[in-house]
Amino acid sequence: MGTVEHSPAITQALAEVGPRLKRLRTERGVTLSALAEATGVSKSTLSRLESGRRRPSLELLLPIAQAHQVPLDELVGAPEVGDPRVRLKPQHVHGSTVVPLTRQPGPLQAFKMVIPVSRSTPDPCTHEGYEWLYVLAGRLRLVLADHDLVLGAGEAAEFDTRLPHWFGSTGDGPVEVLSLFGRQGERMHVRAKPRSRSASSPDR
């Protein structure tokens, strides 16, 4: 499989993730062992992330951001792309604030959503696509077909949007959600799966 070539700005941003992670952890007086227990990410993997010997990924950074109770963008200083005067502006959809995180068109689009407490009455809908939700803060109510679920911070759900669905606040407060959505039914591909203990490199 070929190596992906990154622009100098992206390469620099990736190189800064490790020192940023270590600085945040040490400022809070958290040990690698404590962070490993809180995130489920091995101590050796965390150490390699901080030293730059492990490439950061969404699957690794999300639990770290949750453990530190900070936004994901505080861990990753994303470089400016194209004209630095262009900014992705928040949009207001059905009372929610939606910030598009994907700058270019593609099969999967990422969004950060802030759902107000007032959006608490289910109104299920259906449409083509596949959605993955991760709760950053608050409590999310998800009505999916015959299921009525409540997800807390750090919990995730994925579903085919052709099923009747609705998600919003439980009525207790606003909710912050990270959403990945594929309009044609594309699903997120997770590559960072744990290997068996007998493998020679358990944190690859």
N, C-alpha and C. Protein backbone atom coordinates (compact mmCIF):
# COMPACT_ATOMS: atom_id res chain seq x y z
N MET A 1 0.85 -1.19 0.00
CA MET A 1 0.00 0.00 0.00
C MET A 1 0.88 1.24 0.00
N GLY A 2 0.57 2.21 -0.84
CA GLY A 2 1.41 3.39 -1.00
C GLY A 2 1.35 4.31 0.20
N THR A 3 2.36 5.16 0.32
CA THR A 3 2.42 6.13 1.41
C THR A 3 1.71 7.42 1.00
N VAL A 4 0.88 7.94 1.89
CA VAL A 4 0.15 9.18 1.61
C VAL A 4 1.09 10.36 1.78
N GLU A 5 1.15 11.22 0.77
CA GLU A 5 1.99 12.41 0.84
C GLU A 5 1.18 13.58 1.39
N HIS A 6 1.69 14.21 2.45
CA HIS A 6 1.00 15.33 3.06
C HIS A 6 1.71 16.64 2.70
N SER A 7 0.95 17.73 2.71
CA SER A 7 1.53 19.04 2.51
C SER A 7 2.39 19.38 3.72
N PRO A 8 3.34 20.33 3.58
CA PRO A 8 4.18 20.72 4.72
C PRO A 8 3.37 21.17 5.92
N ALA A 9 2.24 21.87 5.68
CA ALA A 9 1.42 22.36 6.78
C ALA A 9 0.80 21.20 7.57
N ILE A 10 0.29 20.18 6.84
CA ILE A 10 -0.30 19.02 7.51
C ILE A 10 0.76 18.23 8.24
N THR A 11 1.92 18.05 7.62
CA THR A 11 3.01 17.34 8.26
C THR A 11 3.42 18.02 9.56
N GLN A 12 3.48 19.35 9.54
CA GLN A 12 3.83 20.11 10.74
C GLN A 12 2.77 19.95 11.82
N ALA A 13 1.49 19.99 11.41
CA ALA A 13 0.40 19.84 12.38
C ALA A 13 0.44 18.47 13.04
N LEU A 14 0.70 17.43 12.25
CA LEU A 14 0.79 16.07 12.80
C LEU A 14 1.96 15.95 13.77
N ALA A 15 3.07 16.61 13.43
CA ALA A 15 4.26 16.55 14.28
C ALA A 15 4.03 17.24 15.62
N GLU A 16 3.11 18.20 15.66
CA GLU A 16 2.85 18.95 16.89
C GLU A 16 1.86 18.26 17.82
N VAL A 17 1.17 17.21 17.33
CA VAL A 17 0.17 16.55 18.16
C VAL A 17 0.81 15.90 19.38
N GLY A 18 1.94 15.17 19.21
CA GLY A 18 2.59 14.50 20.32
C GLY A 18 2.97 15.43 21.46
N PRO A 19 3.75 16.49 21.16
CA PRO A 19 4.10 17.44 22.22
C PRO A 19 2.87 18.09 22.87
N ARG A 20 1.82 18.32 22.07
CA ARG A 20 0.60 18.92 22.61
C ARG A 20 -0.07 17.97 23.61
N LEU A 21 -0.11 16.67 23.26
CA LEU A 21 -0.69 15.67 24.16
C LEU A 21 0.10 15.58 25.47
N LYS A 22 1.43 15.55 25.35
CA LYS A 22 2.26 15.44 26.55
C LYS A 22 2.12 16.67 27.44
N ARG A 23 2.08 17.86 26.82
CA ARG A 23 1.96 19.09 27.59
C ARG A 23 0.64 19.13 28.34
N LEU A 24 -0.44 18.74 27.67
CA LEU A 24 -1.76 18.74 28.30
C LEU A 24 -1.80 17.77 29.47
N ARG A 25 -1.22 16.59 29.28
CA ARG A 25 -1.24 15.57 30.34
C ARG A 25 -0.41 16.01 31.54
N THR A 26 0.79 16.54 31.30
CA THR A 26 1.67 16.92 32.41
C THR A 26 1.14 18.14 33.14
N GLU A 27 0.51 19.07 32.42
CA GLU A 27 -0.07 20.25 33.06
C GLU A 27 -1.17 19.86 34.04
N ARG A 28 -1.84 18.74 33.74
CA ARG A 28 -2.94 18.29 34.60
C ARG A 28 -2.48 17.29 35.64
N GLY A 29 -1.18 16.96 35.62
CA GLY A 29 -0.63 16.04 36.61
C GLY A 29 -1.13 14.61 36.45
N VAL A 30 -1.41 14.21 35.21
CA VAL A 30 -1.92 12.87 34.93
C VAL A 30 -0.78 11.98 34.45
N THR A 31 -0.65 10.80 35.00
CA THR A 31 0.39 9.86 34.58
C THR A 31 -0.07 9.09 33.34
N LEU A 32 0.88 8.51 32.63
CA LEU A 32 0.54 7.68 31.47
C LEU A 32 -0.34 6.51 31.90
N SER A 33 -0.04 5.93 33.05
CA SER A 33 -0.82 4.78 33.54
C SER A 33 -2.26 5.18 33.81
N ALA A 34 -2.45 6.35 34.42
CA ALA A 34 -3.81 6.82 34.72
C ALA A 34 -4.58 7.13 33.44
N LEU A 35 -3.89 7.73 32.47
CA LEU A 35 -4.55 8.05 31.20
C LEU A 35 -4.90 6.78 30.44
N ALA A 36 -4.02 5.78 30.50
CA ALA A 36 -4.28 4.50 29.84
C ALA A 36 -5.52 3.84 30.43
N GLU A 37 -5.66 3.91 31.76
CA GLU A 37 -6.82 3.32 32.42
C GLU A 37 -8.10 4.07 32.05
N ALA A 38 -8.02 5.39 31.91
CA ALA A 38 -9.20 6.21 31.61
C ALA A 38 -9.65 6.07 30.16
N THR A 39 -8.71 5.84 29.25
CA THR A 39 -9.03 5.82 27.82
C THR A 39 -9.15 4.42 27.22
N GLY A 40 -8.53 3.42 27.86
CA GLY A 40 -8.50 2.09 27.27
C GLY A 40 -7.42 1.95 26.22
N VAL A 41 -6.61 2.99 26.05
CA VAL A 41 -5.47 2.97 25.12
C VAL A 41 -4.23 2.55 25.92
N SER A 42 -3.45 1.63 25.40
CA SER A 42 -2.31 1.11 26.16
C SER A 42 -1.30 2.21 26.47
N LYS A 43 -0.58 2.00 27.58
CA LYS A 43 0.42 2.96 28.02
C LYS A 43 1.50 3.14 26.96
N SER A 44 1.91 2.03 26.32
CA SER A 44 2.96 2.10 25.30
C SER A 44 2.49 2.89 24.08
N THR A 45 1.22 2.74 23.70
CA THR A 45 0.68 3.49 22.57
C THR A 45 0.64 4.98 22.89
N LEU A 46 0.20 5.33 24.11
CA LEU A 46 0.17 6.73 24.53
C LEU A 46 1.57 7.33 24.51
N SER A 47 2.56 6.55 24.98
CA SER A 47 3.93 7.03 25.00
C SER A 47 4.45 7.28 23.58
N ARG A 48 4.11 6.37 22.67
CA ARG A 48 4.55 6.52 21.28
C ARG A 48 3.85 7.70 20.61
N LEU A 49 2.58 7.96 20.97
CA LEU A 49 1.87 9.12 20.44
C LEU A 49 2.57 10.41 20.86
N GLU A 50 2.93 10.48 22.14
CA GLU A 50 3.55 11.70 22.67
C GLU A 50 4.94 11.92 22.10
N SER A 51 5.64 10.84 21.78
CA SER A 51 7.01 10.97 21.25
C SER A 51 7.03 11.13 19.74
N GLY A 52 5.87 10.98 19.09
CA GLY A 52 5.80 11.12 17.64
C GLY A 52 6.09 9.84 16.89
N ARG A 53 6.23 8.72 17.62
CA ARG A 53 6.52 7.44 16.96
C ARG A 53 5.25 6.70 16.57
N ARG A 54 4.10 7.24 16.92
CA ARG A 54 2.81 6.67 16.52
C ARG A 54 1.97 7.77 15.90
N ARG A 55 1.48 7.52 14.70
CA ARG A 55 0.67 8.53 14.00
C ARG A 55 -0.68 8.68 14.69
N PRO A 56 -1.10 9.92 14.98
CA PRO A 56 -2.40 10.12 15.63
C PRO A 56 -3.55 9.74 14.71
N SER A 57 -4.62 9.20 15.28
CA SER A 57 -5.81 8.85 14.52
C SER A 57 -7.03 9.24 15.33
N LEU A 58 -8.18 9.32 14.66
CA LEU A 58 -9.42 9.71 15.32
C LEU A 58 -9.76 8.74 16.44
N GLU A 59 -9.55 7.43 16.19
CA GLU A 59 -9.90 6.42 17.19
C GLU A 59 -9.06 6.56 18.46
N LEU A 60 -7.85 7.10 18.35
CA LEU A 60 -6.99 7.29 19.52
C LEU A 60 -7.24 8.64 20.18
N LEU A 61 -7.46 9.68 19.39
CA LEU A 61 -7.59 11.02 19.95
C LEU A 61 -8.94 11.27 20.63
N LEU A 62 -10.01 10.62 20.14
CA LEU A 62 -11.32 10.85 20.74
C LEU A 62 -11.37 10.47 22.23
N PRO A 63 -10.91 9.25 22.60
CA PRO A 63 -10.96 8.92 24.03
C PRO A 63 -10.02 9.78 24.87
N ILE A 64 -8.91 10.25 24.29
CA ILE A 64 -8.00 11.12 25.03
C ILE A 64 -8.67 12.47 25.29
N ALA A 65 -9.33 13.02 24.25
CA ALA A 65 -10.04 14.29 24.42
C ALA A 65 -11.13 14.16 25.47
N GLN A 66 -11.82 13.02 25.46
CA GLN A 66 -12.88 12.79 26.44
C GLN A 66 -12.32 12.69 27.85
N ALA A 67 -11.20 12.00 28.00
CA ALA A 67 -10.59 11.84 29.33
C ALA A 67 -10.15 13.18 29.91
N HIS A 68 -9.63 14.06 29.05
CA HIS A 68 -9.18 15.38 29.50
C HIS A 68 -10.30 16.40 29.52
N GLN A 69 -11.49 16.01 28.98
CA GLN A 69 -12.64 16.94 28.92
C GLN A 69 -12.28 18.20 28.14
N VAL A 70 -11.67 18.02 26.96
CA VAL A 70 -11.34 19.15 26.09
C VAL A 70 -11.86 18.87 24.69
N PRO A 71 -12.12 19.90 23.89
CA PRO A 71 -12.54 19.69 22.50
C PRO A 71 -11.43 18.99 21.71
N LEU A 72 -11.84 18.22 20.71
CA LEU A 72 -10.87 17.51 19.88
C LEU A 72 -9.89 18.46 19.21
N ASP A 73 -10.38 19.64 18.82
CA ASP A 73 -9.49 20.57 18.11
C ASP A 73 -8.42 21.16 19.02
N GLU A 74 -8.53 20.96 20.33
CA GLU A 74 -7.48 21.41 21.23
C GLU A 74 -6.28 20.46 21.17
N LEU A 75 -6.52 19.24 20.73
CA LEU A 75 -5.43 18.27 20.60
C LEU A 75 -4.74 18.38 19.24
N VAL A 76 -5.48 18.86 18.25
CA VAL A 76 -4.94 18.93 16.88
C VAL A 76 -5.03 20.37 16.38
N GLY A 77 -3.90 21.00 16.17
CA GLY A 77 -3.89 22.33 15.58
C GLY A 77 -3.95 22.22 14.08
N ALA A 78 -5.17 22.17 13.53
CA ALA A 78 -5.33 21.95 12.09
C ALA A 78 -4.77 23.12 11.30
N PRO A 79 -3.99 22.83 10.24
CA PRO A 79 -3.43 23.90 9.42
C PRO A 79 -4.50 24.55 8.56
N GLU A 80 -4.27 25.80 8.20
CA GLU A 80 -5.17 26.48 7.28
C GLU A 80 -5.00 25.89 5.89
N VAL A 81 -6.11 25.77 5.18
CA VAL A 81 -6.08 25.22 3.82
C VAL A 81 -6.54 26.30 2.86
N GLY A 82 -5.75 26.57 1.82
CA GLY A 82 -6.14 27.56 0.83
C GLY A 82 -6.09 28.97 1.40
N ASP A 83 -7.04 29.79 1.02
CA ASP A 83 -7.11 31.18 1.46
C ASP A 83 -7.38 31.23 2.96
N PRO A 84 -6.44 31.77 3.76
CA PRO A 84 -6.63 31.78 5.21
C PRO A 84 -7.80 32.65 5.66
N ARG A 85 -8.34 33.48 4.76
CA ARG A 85 -9.48 34.32 5.13
C ARG A 85 -10.78 33.53 5.10
N VAL A 86 -10.78 32.34 4.49
CA VAL A 86 -11.98 31.53 4.38
C VAL A 86 -12.17 30.73 5.66
N ARG A 87 -13.31 30.81 6.26
CA ARG A 87 -13.61 30.07 7.49
C ARG A 87 -14.88 29.26 7.30
N LEU A 88 -14.92 28.10 7.92
CA LEU A 88 -16.13 27.30 7.92
C LEU A 88 -17.06 27.88 8.99
N LYS A 89 -18.21 28.39 8.56
CA LYS A 89 -19.10 29.07 9.49
C LYS A 89 -20.16 28.12 10.02
N PRO A 90 -20.51 28.29 11.29
CA PRO A 90 -21.59 27.48 11.86
C PRO A 90 -22.89 27.71 11.11
N GLN A 91 -23.68 26.66 10.98
CA GLN A 91 -24.99 26.74 10.36
C GLN A 91 -26.03 26.40 11.41
N HIS A 92 -27.24 26.87 11.20
CA HIS A 92 -28.33 26.59 12.14
C HIS A 92 -29.36 25.72 11.41
N VAL A 93 -29.50 24.48 11.88
CA VAL A 93 -30.39 23.51 11.24
C VAL A 93 -31.35 22.96 12.29
N HIS A 94 -32.64 23.21 12.09
CA HIS A 94 -33.68 22.75 13.02
C HIS A 94 -33.36 23.15 14.46
N GLY A 95 -32.85 24.35 14.64
CA GLY A 95 -32.56 24.84 15.98
C GLY A 95 -31.20 24.45 16.52
N SER A 96 -30.48 23.54 15.84
CA SER A 96 -29.17 23.11 16.28
C SER A 96 -28.08 23.91 15.56
N THR A 97 -26.94 24.07 16.23
CA THR A 97 -25.79 24.70 15.60
C THR A 97 -24.90 23.61 15.01
N VAL A 98 -24.65 23.68 13.72
CA VAL A 98 -23.88 22.65 13.02
C VAL A 98 -22.64 23.28 12.40
N VAL A 99 -21.47 22.75 12.78
CA VAL A 99 -20.21 23.25 12.23
C VAL A 99 -19.62 22.18 11.32
N PRO A 100 -19.56 22.40 10.00
CA PRO A 100 -18.95 21.42 9.10
C PRO A 100 -17.45 21.36 9.34
N LEU A 101 -16.91 20.17 9.52
CA LEU A 101 -15.49 19.99 9.79
C LEU A 101 -14.73 19.53 8.55
N THR A 102 -15.45 19.07 7.52
CA THR A 102 -14.83 18.59 6.29
C THR A 102 -14.80 19.72 5.27
N ARG A 103 -13.62 20.08 4.80
CA ARG A 103 -13.49 21.22 3.89
C ARG A 103 -13.72 20.85 2.43
N GLN A 104 -13.58 19.57 2.09
CA GLN A 104 -13.70 19.18 0.69
C GLN A 104 -14.80 18.14 0.54
N PRO A 105 -15.43 18.08 -0.64
CA PRO A 105 -16.47 17.08 -0.86
C PRO A 105 -15.87 15.68 -0.86
N GLY A 106 -16.66 14.72 -0.42
CA GLY A 106 -16.18 13.34 -0.37
C GLY A 106 -17.30 12.44 0.11
N PRO A 107 -17.06 11.13 0.14
CA PRO A 107 -18.11 10.19 0.53
C PRO A 107 -18.54 10.35 1.98
N LEU A 108 -17.63 10.76 2.86
CA LEU A 108 -17.96 10.96 4.27
C LEU A 108 -17.75 12.42 4.65
N GLN A 109 -18.70 12.98 5.37
CA GLN A 109 -18.62 14.35 5.84
C GLN A 109 -18.69 14.37 7.36
N ALA A 110 -17.88 15.23 7.99
CA ALA A 110 -17.84 15.31 9.44
C ALA A 110 -18.43 16.64 9.91
N PHE A 111 -19.15 16.57 11.02
CA PHE A 111 -19.78 17.76 11.58
C PHE A 111 -19.68 17.74 13.10
N LYS A 112 -19.60 18.92 13.70
CA LYS A 112 -19.80 19.06 15.14
C LYS A 112 -21.15 19.72 15.33
N MET A 113 -21.98 19.14 16.18
CA MET A 113 -23.33 19.65 16.38
C MET A 113 -23.54 20.01 17.84
N VAL A 114 -24.17 21.15 18.07
CA VAL A 114 -24.58 21.55 19.42
C VAL A 114 -26.10 21.58 19.40
N ILE A 115 -26.71 20.63 20.09
CA ILE A 115 -28.16 20.47 20.09
C ILE A 115 -28.74 21.13 21.34
N PRO A 116 -29.68 22.07 21.19
CA PRO A 116 -30.23 22.77 22.35
C PRO A 116 -31.16 21.89 23.16
N VAL A 117 -31.38 22.27 24.41
CA VAL A 117 -32.27 21.51 25.30
C VAL A 117 -33.69 21.49 24.76
N SER A 118 -34.05 22.51 23.96
CA SER A 118 -35.42 22.60 23.44
C SER A 118 -35.72 21.53 22.39
N ARG A 119 -34.68 20.96 21.79
CA ARG A 119 -34.91 19.90 20.80
C ARG A 119 -35.01 18.57 21.53
N SER A 120 -36.20 18.30 22.06
CA SER A 120 -36.37 17.10 22.88
C SER A 120 -37.61 16.30 22.52
N THR A 121 -38.35 16.73 21.49
CA THR A 121 -39.54 16.00 21.06
C THR A 121 -39.23 15.18 19.81
N PRO A 122 -39.27 13.85 19.88
CA PRO A 122 -38.93 13.01 18.72
C PRO A 122 -39.79 13.30 17.50
N ASP A 123 -39.13 13.37 16.36
CA ASP A 123 -39.81 13.55 15.08
C ASP A 123 -39.03 12.73 14.04
N PRO A 124 -39.17 11.38 14.09
CA PRO A 124 -38.35 10.50 13.26
C PRO A 124 -38.50 10.78 11.76
N CYS A 125 -37.39 10.57 11.04
CA CYS A 125 -37.39 10.73 9.59
C CYS A 125 -36.52 9.62 8.99
N THR A 126 -36.56 9.49 7.69
CA THR A 126 -35.73 8.51 6.98
C THR A 126 -35.13 9.18 5.75
N HIS A 127 -33.93 8.75 5.37
CA HIS A 127 -33.29 9.23 4.15
C HIS A 127 -32.10 8.32 3.85
N GLU A 128 -31.57 8.43 2.65
CA GLU A 128 -30.41 7.63 2.27
C GLU A 128 -29.20 8.04 3.09
N GLY A 129 -28.38 7.08 3.46
CA GLY A 129 -27.14 7.41 4.13
C GLY A 129 -26.84 6.50 5.30
N TYR A 130 -25.70 6.79 5.94
CA TYR A 130 -25.26 6.03 7.11
C TYR A 130 -24.59 7.03 8.04
N GLU A 131 -24.92 6.98 9.33
CA GLU A 131 -24.42 7.99 10.26
C GLU A 131 -23.75 7.36 11.47
N TRP A 132 -22.68 8.02 11.92
CA TRP A 132 -21.93 7.62 13.13
C TRP A 132 -21.91 8.83 14.05
N LEU A 133 -22.37 8.65 15.29
CA LEU A 133 -22.45 9.73 16.26
C LEU A 133 -21.57 9.45 17.47
N TYR A 134 -20.88 10.47 17.95
CA TYR A 134 -20.07 10.36 19.17
C TYR A 134 -20.44 11.53 20.07
N VAL A 135 -20.85 11.24 21.29
CA VAL A 135 -21.29 12.29 22.21
C VAL A 135 -20.09 12.89 22.92
N LEU A 136 -19.87 14.18 22.69
CA LEU A 136 -18.76 14.90 23.32
C LEU A 136 -19.13 15.39 24.72
N ALA A 137 -20.36 15.86 24.89
CA ALA A 137 -20.80 16.37 26.18
C ALA A 137 -22.32 16.33 26.24
N GLY A 138 -22.85 16.15 27.45
CA GLY A 138 -24.29 16.10 27.62
C GLY A 138 -24.85 14.70 27.44
N ARG A 139 -26.17 14.62 27.34
CA ARG A 139 -26.86 13.33 27.17
C ARG A 139 -27.72 13.40 25.91
N LEU A 140 -27.48 12.46 25.01
CA LEU A 140 -28.17 12.42 23.72
C LEU A 140 -29.26 11.35 23.74
N ARG A 141 -30.45 11.74 23.34
CA ARG A 141 -31.52 10.76 23.16
C ARG A 141 -31.58 10.36 21.70
N LEU A 142 -31.52 9.08 21.43
CA LEU A 142 -31.54 8.56 20.06
C LEU A 142 -32.73 7.61 19.92
N VAL A 143 -33.67 7.97 19.05
CA VAL A 143 -34.79 7.11 18.73
C VAL A 143 -34.50 6.48 17.38
N LEU A 144 -34.38 5.16 17.35
CA LEU A 144 -34.01 4.45 16.13
C LEU A 144 -34.95 3.27 15.95
N ALA A 145 -35.86 3.40 14.98
CA ALA A 145 -36.88 2.37 14.75
C ALA A 145 -37.63 2.13 16.06
N ASP A 146 -37.56 0.91 16.62
CA ASP A 146 -38.28 0.59 17.85
C ASP A 146 -37.45 0.83 19.11
N HIS A 147 -36.24 1.36 18.95
CA HIS A 147 -35.35 1.56 20.10
C HIS A 147 -35.35 3.02 20.54
N ASP A 148 -35.30 3.22 21.85
CA ASP A 148 -35.23 4.57 22.43
C ASP A 148 -34.05 4.55 23.40
N LEU A 149 -32.93 5.18 23.00
CA LEU A 149 -31.69 5.07 23.74
C LEU A 149 -31.24 6.42 24.28
N VAL A 150 -30.47 6.41 25.36
CA VAL A 150 -29.83 7.61 25.89
C VAL A 150 -28.33 7.35 25.94
N LEU A 151 -27.56 8.20 25.27
CA LEU A 151 -26.11 8.06 25.21
C LEU A 151 -25.46 9.19 26.00
N GLY A 152 -24.47 8.86 26.82
CA GLY A 152 -23.74 9.85 27.58
C GLY A 152 -22.44 10.22 26.90
N ALA A 153 -21.72 11.17 27.47
CA ALA A 153 -20.43 11.59 26.91
C ALA A 153 -19.49 10.41 26.81
N GLY A 154 -18.84 10.28 25.64
CA GLY A 154 -17.92 9.19 25.41
C GLY A 154 -18.55 7.98 24.76
N GLU A 155 -19.87 7.99 24.57
CA GLU A 155 -20.56 6.86 23.93
C GLU A 155 -20.85 7.18 22.47
N ALA A 156 -20.94 6.14 21.65
CA ALA A 156 -21.13 6.31 20.22
C ALA A 156 -22.22 5.38 19.70
N ALA A 157 -22.77 5.74 18.55
CA ALA A 157 -23.77 4.90 17.89
C ALA A 157 -23.60 5.05 16.39
N GLU A 158 -23.92 4.00 15.65
CA GLU A 158 -23.90 4.07 14.19
C GLU A 158 -25.15 3.39 13.67
N PHE A 159 -25.71 3.92 12.57
CA PHE A 159 -26.96 3.37 12.09
C PHE A 159 -27.20 3.75 10.63
N ASP A 160 -28.02 2.94 9.99
CA ASP A 160 -28.47 3.18 8.62
C ASP A 160 -29.61 4.19 8.69
N THR A 161 -29.45 5.33 8.00
CA THR A 161 -30.45 6.39 8.11
C THR A 161 -31.73 6.09 7.32
N ARG A 162 -31.77 4.94 6.65
CA ARG A 162 -33.02 4.53 6.01
C ARG A 162 -34.01 4.01 7.05
N LEU A 163 -33.52 3.75 8.28
CA LEU A 163 -34.40 3.40 9.38
C LEU A 163 -34.97 4.69 9.97
N PRO A 164 -36.23 4.68 10.43
CA PRO A 164 -36.77 5.87 11.09
C PRO A 164 -35.89 6.25 12.28
N HIS A 165 -35.45 7.50 12.32
CA HIS A 165 -34.52 7.90 13.38
C HIS A 165 -34.72 9.37 13.74
N TRP A 166 -34.31 9.69 14.96
CA TRP A 166 -34.31 11.05 15.47
C TRP A 166 -33.33 11.10 16.63
N PHE A 167 -32.62 12.21 16.78
CA PHE A 167 -31.78 12.36 17.96
C PHE A 167 -31.83 13.82 18.43
N GLY A 168 -31.73 13.98 19.74
CA GLY A 168 -31.81 15.31 20.33
C GLY A 168 -31.46 15.26 21.80
N SER A 169 -31.83 16.28 22.52
CA SER A 169 -31.55 16.38 23.95
C SER A 169 -32.55 15.53 24.74
N THR A 170 -32.13 15.07 25.90
CA THR A 170 -33.04 14.36 26.80
C THR A 170 -33.94 15.35 27.53
N GLY A 171 -33.66 16.65 27.38
CA GLY A 171 -34.41 17.66 28.10
C GLY A 171 -33.68 18.15 29.33
N ASP A 172 -32.54 17.50 29.64
CA ASP A 172 -31.76 17.88 30.82
C ASP A 172 -30.77 19.01 30.53
N GLY A 173 -30.44 19.21 29.25
CA GLY A 173 -29.45 20.22 28.88
C GLY A 173 -29.03 20.04 27.43
N PRO A 174 -28.21 20.96 26.92
CA PRO A 174 -27.74 20.84 25.53
C PRO A 174 -26.78 19.65 25.37
N VAL A 175 -26.56 19.26 24.13
CA VAL A 175 -25.69 18.12 23.82
C VAL A 175 -24.71 18.52 22.72
N GLU A 176 -23.44 18.13 22.88
CA GLU A 176 -22.44 18.32 21.83
C GLU A 176 -22.13 16.97 21.22
N VAL A 177 -22.20 16.90 19.89
CA VAL A 177 -22.06 15.63 19.18
C VAL A 177 -21.10 15.78 18.01
N LEU A 178 -20.28 14.76 17.78
CA LEU A 178 -19.46 14.67 16.57
C LEU A 178 -20.16 13.68 15.65
N SER A 179 -20.40 14.08 14.41
CA SER A 179 -21.14 13.25 13.46
C SER A 179 -20.34 13.01 12.20
N LEU A 180 -20.30 11.75 11.76
CA LEU A 180 -19.75 11.37 10.46
C LEU A 180 -20.91 10.83 9.65
N PHE A 181 -21.13 11.39 8.46
CA PHE A 181 -22.30 11.01 7.67
C PHE A 181 -21.92 10.72 6.23
N GLY A 182 -22.36 9.56 5.73
CA GLY A 182 -22.17 9.18 4.34
C GLY A 182 -23.51 9.21 3.61
N ARG A 183 -23.66 10.10 2.65
CA ARG A 183 -24.95 10.27 1.99
C ARG A 183 -25.38 9.04 1.20
N GLN A 184 -24.42 8.31 0.66
CA GLN A 184 -24.76 7.15 -0.15
C GLN A 184 -24.64 5.85 0.64
N GLY A 185 -24.59 5.96 1.95
CA GLY A 185 -24.54 4.75 2.77
C GLY A 185 -23.13 4.31 3.11
N GLU A 186 -22.11 5.18 2.85
CA GLU A 186 -20.74 4.82 3.18
C GLU A 186 -20.59 4.71 4.69
N ARG A 187 -19.87 3.69 5.13
CA ARG A 187 -19.61 3.50 6.55
C ARG A 187 -18.18 3.88 6.86
N MET A 188 -17.94 4.28 8.12
CA MET A 188 -16.59 4.60 8.56
C MET A 188 -15.80 3.30 8.66
N HIS A 189 -14.59 3.31 8.13
CA HIS A 189 -13.72 2.13 8.19
C HIS A 189 -12.72 2.30 9.32
N VAL A 190 -12.79 1.42 10.32
CA VAL A 190 -11.88 1.47 11.45
C VAL A 190 -10.74 0.50 11.21
N ARG A 191 -9.52 1.03 11.17
CA ARG A 191 -8.36 0.19 10.91
C ARG A 191 -7.60 -0.18 12.19
N ALA A 192 -7.73 0.67 13.22
CA ALA A 192 -6.96 0.46 14.44
C ALA A 192 -7.67 -0.51 15.36
N LYS A 193 -7.61 -1.80 15.04
CA LYS A 193 -8.24 -2.82 15.86
C LYS A 193 -7.18 -3.50 16.73
N PRO A 194 -7.53 -3.83 17.99
CA PRO A 194 -6.54 -4.48 18.85
C PRO A 194 -6.16 -5.86 18.35
N ARG A 195 -4.90 -6.19 18.49
CA ARG A 195 -4.42 -7.51 18.07
C ARG A 195 -4.40 -8.42 19.28
N SER A 196 -4.25 -9.70 19.05
CA SER A 196 -4.23 -10.66 20.14
C SER A 196 -2.97 -10.48 20.98
N ARG A 197 -3.02 -10.92 22.25
CA ARG A 197 -1.89 -10.76 23.14
C ARG A 197 -0.67 -11.54 22.68
N SER A 198 -0.89 -12.54 21.85
CA SER A 198 0.24 -13.33 21.37
C SER A 198 1.01 -12.65 20.26
N ALA A 199 0.41 -11.55 19.72
CA ALA A 199 1.09 -10.84 18.62
C ALA A 199 2.34 -10.16 19.15
N SER A 200 3.32 -10.00 18.30
CA SER A 200 4.60 -9.45 18.71
C SER A 200 4.55 -7.95 18.98
N SER A 201 3.58 -7.24 18.36
CA SER A 201 3.48 -5.79 18.54
C SER A 201 2.06 -5.44 18.95
N PRO A 202 1.72 -5.54 20.27
CA PRO A 202 0.33 -5.40 20.71
C PRO A 202 -0.26 -4.04 20.52
N ASP A 203 0.55 -3.00 20.30
CA ASP A 203 -0.02 -1.65 20.19
C ASP A 203 0.16 -1.07 18.82
N ARG A 204 0.28 -1.91 17.84
CA ARG A 204 0.46 -1.41 16.47
C ARG A 204 -0.81 -0.76 15.98
